[in-house]
């Protein structure tokens, strides 16, 4: 019997560690990575410990590694099933480096230097006004040829953000021009500042708890926005701290929360994003 495993608790570094382990064990089989929500899985084919190919719909090869490391916080499950690989897709070859470690290291560098990443959220639906459809961003990436011509029609600008993947450049550009929008209202993290300022000074334990809670609510560590429901969850935690100090401070925090949600909702409606 070969190695067979199923991971349901994915953290930063999980993909790197799993792939290194499979390489060291010289396995042959398929590593499947699931994002859930009916999104097709990523498939990475190992042959005698070598990660030979990677496929995620229209995305293949080294680009798939970029997506996995960028959106690792969106991963729900990781599975490996041993078995003989009967077919290799030459278009999906991982060719970036001579070793798996080199490929993963280069993908990690790509993610670190990507200027588009702060506004690329894999599990949030994107709304396309031209067709009236909404699809999760990772599904758009998987089926990118369907959206390529529409997104490529958005004129380039000096304000465009660079990214290792052309798909992310086009998606980010379209988002910044409101040609497409996230279907879920997003709150910029800078909107949290008035809340946090109002409850200063925080105790060491309060500050530590809020930092940890914030990290758990973000789509990924470099995100500049969070979905409005997650903002409300974080704001409620701040409101609880305020209420313990005084009813007046709790009421002040409640007013700040209300104004922030009201402003976010108006901005969303002005972008023609359906609720």
C-alpha atoms as a PDB file:
ATOM      1  CA  UNK A   1       0.000   0.000   0.000  1.00  0.00           C
ATOM      2  CA  UNK A   2       1.270   3.470  -0.866  1.00  0.00           C
ATOM      3  CA  UNK A   3       0.856   6.704   1.020  1.00  0.00           C
ATOM      4  CA  UNK A   4      -2.731   7.921   1.175  1.00  0.00           C
ATOM      5  CA  UNK A   5      -3.893  10.931   3.217  1.00  0.00           C
ATOM      6  CA  UNK A   6      -6.669  13.498   3.618  1.00  0.00           C
ATOM      7  CA  UNK A   7      -6.056  16.927   5.233  1.00  0.00           C
ATOM      8  CA  UNK A   8      -8.952  19.197   6.216  1.00  0.00           C
ATOM      9  CA  UNK A   9      -7.050  21.778   8.268  1.00  0.00           C
ATOM     10  CA  UNK A  10      -4.921  23.844   5.896  1.00  0.00           C
ATOM     11  CA  UNK A  11      -2.618  26.580   7.180  1.00  0.00           C
ATOM     12  CA  UNK A  12       0.040  28.774   5.624  1.00  0.00           C
ATOM     13  CA  UNK A  13       2.861  26.461   4.584  1.00  0.00           C
ATOM     14  CA  UNK A  14       0.701  23.327   4.304  1.00  0.00           C
ATOM     15  CA  UNK A  15       1.062  23.018   0.524  1.00  0.00           C
ATOM     16  CA  UNK A  16       4.827  23.489   0.642  1.00  0.00           C
ATOM     17  CA  UNK A  17       5.216  20.884   3.414  1.00  0.00           C
ATOM     18  CA  UNK A  18       2.907  18.347   1.756  1.00  0.00           C
ATOM     19  CA  UNK A  19       4.624  18.581  -1.607  1.00  0.00           C
ATOM     20  CA  UNK A  20       8.069  18.332  -0.026  1.00  0.00           C
ATOM     21  CA  UNK A  21       6.955  15.249   1.898  1.00  0.00           C
ATOM     22  CA  UNK A  22       5.633  13.572  -1.253  1.00  0.00           C
ATOM     23  CA  UNK A  23       8.847  14.374  -3.066  1.00  0.00           C
ATOM     24  CA  UNK A  24      11.000  12.877  -0.316  1.00  0.00           C
ATOM     25  CA  UNK A  25       8.839   9.748  -0.231  1.00  0.00           C
ATOM     26  CA  UNK A  26       9.233   9.397  -4.015  1.00  0.00           C
ATOM     27  CA  UNK A  27       5.541   8.752  -4.492  1.00  0.00           C
ATOM     28  CA  UNK A  28       3.566   8.241  -7.680  1.00  0.00           C
ATOM     29  CA  UNK A  29      -0.021   9.433  -7.672  1.00  0.00           C
ATOM     30  CA  UNK A  30      -2.297  12.464  -7.679  1.00  0.00           C
ATOM     31  CA  UNK A  31      -2.351  15.298  -5.145  1.00  0.00           C
ATOM     32  CA  UNK A  32      -5.826  16.882  -5.215  1.00  0.00           C
ATOM     33  CA  UNK A  33      -6.448  20.310  -3.697  1.00  0.00           C
ATOM     34  CA  UNK A  34     -10.033  21.424  -3.097  1.00  0.00           C
ATOM     35  CA  UNK A  35     -11.332  24.972  -2.600  1.00  0.00           C
ATOM     36  CA  UNK A  36     -14.848  23.713  -1.861  1.00  0.00           C
ATOM     37  CA  UNK A  37     -18.004  25.544  -2.976  1.00  0.00           C
ATOM     38  CA  UNK A  38     -18.296  23.432  -6.112  1.00  0.00           C
ATOM     39  CA  UNK A  39     -15.016  24.798  -7.489  1.00  0.00           C
ATOM     40  CA  UNK A  40     -13.065  22.217  -9.543  1.00  0.00           C
ATOM     41  CA  UNK A  41     -10.029  20.743  -7.820  1.00  0.00           C
ATOM     42  CA  UNK A  42      -6.368  21.352  -8.554  1.00  0.00           C
ATOM     43  CA  UNK A  43      -4.563  18.190  -9.644  1.00  0.00           C
ATOM     44  CA  UNK A  44      -0.807  17.769  -9.252  1.00  0.00           C
ATOM     45  CA  UNK A  45       0.653  14.584 -10.705  1.00  0.00           C
ATOM     46  CA  UNK A  46       3.670  13.002  -8.973  1.00  0.00           C
ATOM     47  CA  UNK A  47       5.885  10.466 -10.689  1.00  0.00           C
ATOM     48  CA  UNK A  48       8.544   8.817  -8.496  1.00  0.00           C
ATOM     49  CA  UNK A  49       8.608  11.863  -6.210  1.00  0.00           C
ATOM     50  CA  UNK A  50       8.749  14.429  -9.001  1.00  0.00           C
ATOM     51  CA  UNK A  51       5.858  16.869  -9.324  1.00  0.00           C
ATOM     52  CA  UNK A  52       5.558  16.413 -13.063  1.00  0.00           C
ATOM     53  CA  UNK A  53       2.452  18.407 -13.966  1.00  0.00           C
ATOM     54  CA  UNK A  54      -0.187  20.651 -12.386  1.00  0.00           C
ATOM     55  CA  UNK A  55      -3.649  21.429 -13.752  1.00  0.00           C
ATOM     56  CA  UNK A  56      -6.457  23.759 -12.733  1.00  0.00           C
ATOM     57  CA  UNK A  57      -8.707  24.042 -15.747  1.00  0.00           C
ATOM     58  CA  UNK A  58      -7.216  26.551 -18.177  1.00  0.00           C
ATOM     59  CA  UNK A  59      -4.333  27.159 -15.785  1.00  0.00           C
ATOM     60  CA  UNK A  60      -1.489  24.679 -16.010  1.00  0.00           C
ATOM     61  CA  UNK A  61       2.082  24.098 -14.912  1.00  0.00           C
ATOM     62  CA  UNK A  62       3.973  26.624 -12.810  1.00  0.00           C
ATOM     63  CA  UNK A  63       1.044  29.069 -12.795  1.00  0.00           C
ATOM     64  CA  UNK A  64      -0.958  26.608 -10.704  1.00  0.00           C
ATOM     65  CA  UNK A  65       1.688  26.732  -7.981  1.00  0.00           C
ATOM     66  CA  UNK A  66       1.350  30.534  -7.903  1.00  0.00           C
ATOM     67  CA  UNK A  67      -2.412  30.239  -7.405  1.00  0.00           C
ATOM     68  CA  UNK A  68      -2.071  27.617  -4.657  1.00  0.00           C
ATOM     69  CA  UNK A  69       0.405  29.624  -2.606  1.00  0.00           C
ATOM     70  CA  UNK A  70      -1.448  32.901  -3.165  1.00  0.00           C
ATOM     71  CA  UNK A  71      -4.854  31.498  -2.180  1.00  0.00           C
ATOM     72  CA  UNK A  72      -3.711  28.927   0.382  1.00  0.00           C
ATOM     73  CA  UNK A  73      -6.151  30.376   2.944  1.00  0.00           C
ATOM     74  CA  UNK A  74      -8.997  29.413   0.578  1.00  0.00           C
ATOM     75  CA  UNK A  75      -8.060  25.720   0.488  1.00  0.00           C
ATOM     76  CA  UNK A  76     -10.522  23.395   2.220  1.00  0.00           C
ATOM     77  CA  UNK A  77      -9.042  19.943   1.680  1.00  0.00           C
ATOM     78  CA  UNK A  78      -5.883  18.265   0.428  1.00  0.00           C
ATOM     79  CA  UNK A  79      -5.880  14.619  -0.669  1.00  0.00           C
ATOM     80  CA  UNK A  80      -3.260  12.275  -2.023  1.00  0.00           C
ATOM     81  CA  UNK A  81      -4.082   9.006  -3.738  1.00  0.00           C
ATOM     82  CA  UNK A  82      -1.278   6.729  -4.946  1.00  0.00           C
ATOM     83  CA  UNK A  83      -1.528   5.170  -8.358  1.00  0.00           C
ATOM     84  CA  UNK A  84       0.135   4.765 -11.692  1.00  0.00           C
ATOM     85  CA  UNK A  85       0.078   7.851 -13.934  1.00  0.00           C
ATOM     86  CA  UNK A  86      -0.835   6.719 -17.423  1.00  0.00           C
ATOM     87  CA  UNK A  87      -0.861  10.076 -19.177  1.00  0.00           C
ATOM     88  CA  UNK A  88       1.186  13.273 -18.862  1.00  0.00           C
ATOM     89  CA  UNK A  89      -0.151  16.555 -20.209  1.00  0.00           C
ATOM     90  CA  UNK A  90       2.857  18.187 -21.851  1.00  0.00           C
ATOM     91  CA  UNK A  91       1.205  21.621 -21.607  1.00  0.00           C
ATOM     92  CA  UNK A  92       0.937  21.273 -17.822  1.00  0.00           C
ATOM     93  CA  UNK A  93       4.586  20.517 -17.095  1.00  0.00           C
ATOM     94  CA  UNK A  94       6.190  22.141 -14.066  1.00  0.00           C
ATOM     95  CA  UNK A  95       9.371  23.388 -15.672  1.00  0.00           C
ATOM     96  CA  UNK A  96      10.343  26.484 -13.692  1.00  0.00           C
ATOM     97  CA  UNK A  97      13.189  24.890 -11.753  1.00  0.00           C
ATOM     98  CA  UNK A  98      15.174  21.674 -11.700  1.00  0.00           C
ATOM     99  CA  UNK A  99      13.793  20.747  -8.272  1.00  0.00           C
ATOM    100  CA  UNK A 100      10.414  20.911  -6.563  1.00  0.00           C
ATOM    101  CA  UNK A 101      11.912  23.094  -3.823  1.00  0.00           C
ATOM    102  CA  UNK A 102      13.120  25.516  -6.478  1.00  0.00           C
ATOM    103  CA  UNK A 103       9.696  25.657  -8.117  1.00  0.00           C
ATOM    104  CA  UNK A 104       7.951  26.291  -4.797  1.00  0.00           C
ATOM    105  CA  UNK A 105      10.507  28.904  -3.792  1.00  0.00           C
ATOM    106  CA  UNK A 106      10.022  30.771  -7.061  1.00  0.00           C
ATOM    107  CA  UNK A 107       6.230  30.591  -6.683  1.00  0.00           C
ATOM    108  CA  UNK A 108       6.566  32.000  -3.163  1.00  0.00           C
ATOM    109  CA  UNK A 109       8.652  34.893  -4.489  1.00  0.00           C
ATOM    110  CA  UNK A 110       6.014  35.531  -7.169  1.00  0.00           C
ATOM    111  CA  UNK A 111       3.315  35.769  -4.503  1.00  0.00           C
ATOM    112  CA  UNK A 112       5.390  38.080  -2.303  1.00  0.00           C
ATOM    113  CA  UNK A 113       6.059  40.588  -5.095  1.00  0.00           C
ATOM    114  CA  UNK A 114       2.558  40.513  -6.630  1.00  0.00           C
ATOM    115  CA  UNK A 115       1.008  43.998  -6.586  1.00  0.00           C
ATOM    116  CA  UNK A 116      -2.489  42.735  -7.432  1.00  0.00           C
ATOM    117  CA  UNK A 117      -2.758  40.231  -4.579  1.00  0.00           C
ATOM    118  CA  UNK A 118      -4.137  42.628  -1.908  1.00  0.00           C
ATOM    119  CA  UNK A 119      -7.432  42.782  -3.841  1.00  0.00           C
ATOM    120  CA  UNK A 120      -7.577  39.220  -5.230  1.00  0.00           C
ATOM    121  CA  UNK A 121      -9.939  37.132  -3.069  1.00  0.00           C
ATOM    122  CA  UNK A 122     -10.368  33.613  -4.384  1.00  0.00           C
ATOM    123  CA  UNK A 123     -13.633  32.573  -2.739  1.00  0.00           C
ATOM    124  CA  UNK A 124     -15.623  35.774  -3.296  1.00  0.00           C
ATOM    125  CA  UNK A 125     -18.060  35.926  -6.253  1.00  0.00           C
ATOM    126  CA  UNK A 126     -17.315  38.388  -9.045  1.00  0.00           C
ATOM    127  CA  UNK A 127     -20.290  40.022 -10.761  1.00  0.00           C
ATOM    128  CA  UNK A 128     -20.064  40.559 -14.522  1.00  0.00           C
ATOM    129  CA  UNK A 129     -22.573  43.292 -15.547  1.00  0.00           C
ATOM    130  CA  UNK A 130     -22.262  42.418 -19.242  1.00  0.00           C
ATOM    131  CA  UNK A 131     -23.793  38.975 -18.683  1.00  0.00           C
ATOM    132  CA  UNK A 132     -25.490  39.433 -15.326  1.00  0.00           C
ATOM    133  CA  UNK A 133     -23.652  36.403 -13.974  1.00  0.00           C
ATOM    134  CA  UNK A 134     -21.668  35.990 -10.786  1.00  0.00           C
ATOM    135  CA  UNK A 135     -18.867  33.459 -10.328  1.00  0.00           C
ATOM    136  CA  UNK A 136     -16.352  32.854  -7.577  1.00  0.00           C
ATOM    137  CA  UNK A 137     -12.991  34.341  -8.554  1.00  0.00           C
ATOM    138  CA  UNK A 138     -11.237  30.965  -8.515  1.00  0.00           C
ATOM    139  CA  UNK A 139     -13.883  29.579 -10.862  1.00  0.00           C
ATOM    140  CA  UNK A 140     -13.193  32.514 -13.201  1.00  0.00           C
ATOM    141  CA  UNK A 141      -9.496  31.610 -13.099  1.00  0.00           C
ATOM    142  CA  UNK A 142     -10.310  27.955 -13.824  1.00  0.00           C
ATOM    143  CA  UNK A 143     -12.444  28.891 -16.848  1.00  0.00           C
ATOM    144  CA  UNK A 144     -10.462  31.977 -17.817  1.00  0.00           C
ATOM    145  CA  UNK A 145     -10.848  31.713 -21.628  1.00  0.00           C
ATOM    146  CA  UNK A 146     -14.574  32.480 -21.147  1.00  0.00           C
ATOM    147  CA  UNK A 147     -13.779  35.855 -19.543  1.00  0.00           C
ATOM    148  CA  UNK A 148     -10.487  36.719 -21.256  1.00  0.00           C
ATOM    149  CA  UNK A 149     -11.834  38.767 -24.176  1.00  0.00           C
ATOM    150  CA  UNK A 150     -14.187  40.773 -21.960  1.00  0.00           C
ATOM    151  CA  UNK A 151     -11.504  41.544 -19.368  1.00  0.00           C
ATOM    152  CA  UNK A 152      -8.861  42.246 -22.012  1.00  0.00           C
ATOM    153  CA  UNK A 153     -11.154  44.890 -23.522  1.00  0.00           C
ATOM    154  CA  UNK A 154     -10.633  47.116 -20.453  1.00  0.00           C
ATOM    155  CA  UNK A 155      -7.989  49.715 -21.479  1.00  0.00           C
ATOM    156  CA  UNK A 156      -4.632  49.518 -19.766  1.00  0.00           C
ATOM    157  CA  UNK A 157      -3.575  52.343 -17.474  1.00  0.00           C
ATOM    158  CA  UNK A 158      -0.474  53.621 -15.699  1.00  0.00           C
ATOM    159  CA  UNK A 159      -2.231  52.770 -12.428  1.00  0.00           C
ATOM    160  CA  UNK A 160      -2.458  49.053 -13.288  1.00  0.00           C
ATOM    161  CA  UNK A 161      -0.868  46.727 -10.757  1.00  0.00           C
ATOM    162  CA  UNK A 162       1.707  44.166 -11.830  1.00  0.00           C
ATOM    163  CA  UNK A 163       1.298  40.450 -11.177  1.00  0.00           C
ATOM    164  CA  UNK A 164       3.104  37.259 -12.207  1.00  0.00           C
ATOM    165  CA  UNK A 165      -0.152  35.994 -13.752  1.00  0.00           C
ATOM    166  CA  UNK A 166      -1.772  37.910 -16.598  1.00  0.00           C
ATOM    167  CA  UNK A 167      -5.161  36.717 -15.329  1.00  0.00           C
ATOM    168  CA  UNK A 168      -4.673  38.649 -12.095  1.00  0.00           C
ATOM    169  CA  UNK A 169      -3.575  41.793 -13.937  1.00  0.00           C
ATOM    170  CA  UNK A 170      -6.771  41.764 -16.011  1.00  0.00           C
ATOM    171  CA  UNK A 171      -9.073  40.939 -13.086  1.00  0.00           C
ATOM    172  CA  UNK A 172      -7.530  43.610 -10.861  1.00  0.00           C
ATOM    173  CA  UNK A 173      -7.721  46.226 -13.631  1.00  0.00           C
ATOM    174  CA  UNK A 174     -11.406  45.452 -14.234  1.00  0.00           C
ATOM    175  CA  UNK A 175     -12.159  45.644 -10.512  1.00  0.00           C
ATOM    176  CA  UNK A 176     -10.446  49.012 -10.155  1.00  0.00           C
ATOM    177  CA  UNK A 177     -12.497  50.409 -13.078  1.00  0.00           C
ATOM    178  CA  UNK A 178     -15.763  48.947 -11.716  1.00  0.00           C
ATOM    179  CA  UNK A 179     -16.144  46.963 -14.947  1.00  0.00           C
ATOM    180  CA  UNK A 180     -16.662  43.980 -12.651  1.00  0.00           C
ATOM    181  CA  UNK A 181     -17.271  43.999  -8.913  1.00  0.00           C
ATOM    182  CA  UNK A 182     -17.223  41.689  -5.968  1.00  0.00           C
ATOM    183  CA  UNK A 183     -20.793  40.686  -5.268  1.00  0.00           C
ATOM    184  CA  UNK A 184     -20.176  40.877  -1.519  1.00  0.00           C
ATOM    185  CA  UNK A 185     -19.762  44.402  -0.101  1.00  0.00           C
ATOM    186  CA  UNK A 186     -16.165  44.905   1.075  1.00  0.00           C
ATOM    187  CA  UNK A 187     -14.933  47.099   3.910  1.00  0.00           C
ATOM    188  CA  UNK A 188     -11.404  48.562   3.615  1.00  0.00           C
ATOM    189  CA  UNK A 189      -9.213  47.710   6.593  1.00  0.00           C
ATOM    190  CA  UNK A 190      -8.459  51.403   7.099  1.00  0.00           C
ATOM    191  CA  UNK A 191     -12.115  51.761   8.151  1.00  0.00           C
ATOM    192  CA  UNK A 192     -11.227  49.818  11.311  1.00  0.00           C
ATOM    193  CA  UNK A 193      -8.970  52.595  12.564  1.00  0.00           C
ATOM    194  CA  UNK A 194     -11.750  54.761  14.109  1.00  0.00           C
ATOM    195  CA  UNK A 195     -13.048  51.701  15.983  1.00  0.00           C
ATOM    196  CA  UNK A 196      -9.650  50.772  17.366  1.00  0.00           C
ATOM    197  CA  UNK A 197      -8.732  54.368  18.200  1.00  0.00           C
ATOM    198  CA  UNK A 198     -11.929  54.746  20.236  1.00  0.00           C
ATOM    199  CA  UNK A 199     -11.054  51.857  22.583  1.00  0.00           C
ATOM    200  CA  UNK A 200      -7.404  52.765  23.175  1.00  0.00           C
ATOM    201  CA  UNK A 201      -5.509  51.939  25.237  1.00  0.00           C
ATOM    202  CA  UNK A 202      -6.076  48.218  24.876  1.00  0.00           C
ATOM    203  CA  UNK A 203      -4.680  45.768  27.384  1.00  0.00           C
ATOM    204  CA  UNK A 204      -2.018  43.402  26.112  1.00  0.00           C
ATOM    205  CA  UNK A 205      -4.509  40.515  26.154  1.00  0.00           C
ATOM    206  CA  UNK A 206      -7.214  42.542  24.351  1.00  0.00           C
ATOM    207  CA  UNK A 207      -4.770  43.633  21.643  1.00  0.00           C
ATOM    208  CA  UNK A 208      -3.472  40.092  21.163  1.00  0.00           C
ATOM    209  CA  UNK A 209      -6.992  38.659  20.925  1.00  0.00           C
ATOM    210  CA  UNK A 210      -8.071  41.276  18.374  1.00  0.00           C
ATOM    211  CA  UNK A 211      -4.964  40.722  16.235  1.00  0.00           C
ATOM    212  CA  UNK A 212      -5.571  36.981  16.175  1.00  0.00           C
ATOM    213  CA  UNK A 213      -9.261  37.424  15.391  1.00  0.00           C
ATOM    214  CA  UNK A 214      -8.430  39.869  12.602  1.00  0.00           C
ATOM    215  CA  UNK A 215      -6.063  37.373  10.972  1.00  0.00           C
ATOM    216  CA  UNK A 216      -8.746  34.682  11.060  1.00  0.00           C
ATOM    217  CA  UNK A 217     -11.253  36.951   9.277  1.00  0.00           C
ATOM    218  CA  UNK A 218      -9.061  38.153   6.403  1.00  0.00           C
ATOM    219  CA  UNK A 219      -9.292  36.425   2.987  1.00  0.00           C
ATOM    220  CA  UNK A 220      -5.481  36.177   3.122  1.00  0.00           C
ATOM    221  CA  UNK A 221      -2.675  37.920   5.049  1.00  0.00           C
ATOM    222  CA  UNK A 222      -2.073  40.646   2.433  1.00  0.00           C
ATOM    223  CA  UNK A 223      -5.755  41.565   1.976  1.00  0.00           C
ATOM    224  CA  UNK A 224      -6.667  45.258   2.099  1.00  0.00           C
ATOM    225  CA  UNK A 225     -10.420  44.594   2.513  1.00  0.00           C
ATOM    226  CA  UNK A 226     -12.719  42.157   4.278  1.00  0.00           C
ATOM    227  CA  UNK A 227     -16.300  41.070   3.494  1.00  0.00           C
ATOM    228  CA  UNK A 228     -18.892  43.123   5.339  1.00  0.00           C
ATOM    229  CA  UNK A 229     -20.124  40.169   7.412  1.00  0.00           C
ATOM    230  CA  UNK A 230     -16.591  39.591   8.698  1.00  0.00           C
ATOM    231  CA  UNK A 231     -16.209  43.298   9.399  1.00  0.00           C
ATOM    232  CA  UNK A 232     -19.358  43.153  11.497  1.00  0.00           C
ATOM    233  CA  UNK A 233     -17.993  40.153  13.430  1.00  0.00           C
ATOM    234  CA  UNK A 234     -14.756  42.013  14.194  1.00  0.00           C
ATOM    235  CA  UNK A 235     -16.590  45.243  15.014  1.00  0.00           C
ATOM    236  CA  UNK A 236     -18.841  43.338  17.429  1.00  0.00           C
ATOM    237  CA  UNK A 237     -15.755  42.134  19.294  1.00  0.00           C
ATOM    238  CA  UNK A 238     -14.543  45.735  19.599  1.00  0.00           C
ATOM    239  CA  UNK A 239     -18.022  46.809  20.719  1.00  0.00           C
ATOM    240  CA  UNK A 240     -17.944  44.214  23.504  1.00  0.00           C
ATOM    241  CA  UNK A 241     -14.698  45.697  24.802  1.00  0.00           C
ATOM    242  CA  UNK A 242     -16.219  49.179  24.691  1.00  0.00           C
ATOM    243  CA  UNK A 243     -19.374  48.116  26.577  1.00  0.00           C
ATOM    244  CA  UNK A 244     -17.277  46.634  29.373  1.00  0.00           C
ATOM    245  CA  UNK A 245     -15.772  50.074  29.872  1.00  0.00           C
ATOM    246  CA  UNK A 246     -18.932  52.155  29.708  1.00  0.00           C
ATOM    247  CA  UNK A 247     -22.361  52.255  28.035  1.00  0.00           C
ATOM    248  CA  UNK A 248     -21.416  55.604  26.489  1.00  0.00           C
ATOM    249  CA  UNK A 249     -18.335  54.178  24.784  1.00  0.00           C
ATOM    250  CA  UNK A 250     -20.344  51.193  23.603  1.00  0.00           C
ATOM    251  CA  UNK A 251     -22.877  53.535  22.009  1.00  0.00           C
ATOM    252  CA  UNK A 252     -20.079  55.515  20.335  1.00  0.00           C
ATOM    253  CA  UNK A 253     -18.680  52.321  18.809  1.00  0.00           C
ATOM    254  CA  UNK A 254     -22.144  51.293  17.636  1.00  0.00           C
ATOM    255  CA  UNK A 255     -22.539  54.589  15.793  1.00  0.00           C
ATOM    256  CA  UNK A 256     -19.157  54.136  14.084  1.00  0.00           C
ATOM    257  CA  UNK A 257     -20.145  50.616  12.991  1.00  0.00           C
ATOM    258  CA  UNK A 258     -23.446  51.874  11.600  1.00  0.00           C
ATOM    259  CA  UNK A 259     -21.769  54.671   9.616  1.00  0.00           C
ATOM    260  CA  UNK A 260     -19.186  52.287   8.186  1.00  0.00           C
ATOM    261  CA  UNK A 261     -21.793  49.753   7.074  1.00  0.00           C
ATOM    262  CA  UNK A 262     -23.974  52.524   5.629  1.00  0.00           C
ATOM    263  CA  UNK A 263     -21.048  53.963   3.648  1.00  0.00           C
ATOM    264  CA  UNK A 264     -20.008  50.521   2.373  1.00  0.00           C
ATOM    265  CA  UNK A 265     -23.543  49.679   1.272  1.00  0.00           C
ATOM    266  CA  UNK A 266     -23.899  52.958  -0.639  1.00  0.00           C
ATOM    267  CA  UNK A 267     -20.599  52.410  -2.423  1.00  0.00           C
ATOM    268  CA  UNK A 268     -21.682  48.910  -3.391  1.00  0.00           C
ATOM    269  CA  UNK A 269     -25.002  50.118  -4.757  1.00  0.00           C
ATOM    270  CA  UNK A 270     -23.270  52.834  -6.799  1.00  0.00           C
ATOM    271  CA  UNK A 271     -21.152  50.103  -8.427  1.00  0.00           C
ATOM    272  CA  UNK A 272     -24.310  48.285  -9.569  1.00  0.00           C
ATOM    273  CA  UNK A 273     -23.488  45.145  -7.636  1.00  0.00           C
ATOM    274  CA  UNK A 274     -26.595  43.150  -6.763  1.00  0.00           C
ATOM    275  CA  UNK A 275     -27.156  42.501  -3.073  1.00  0.00           C
END
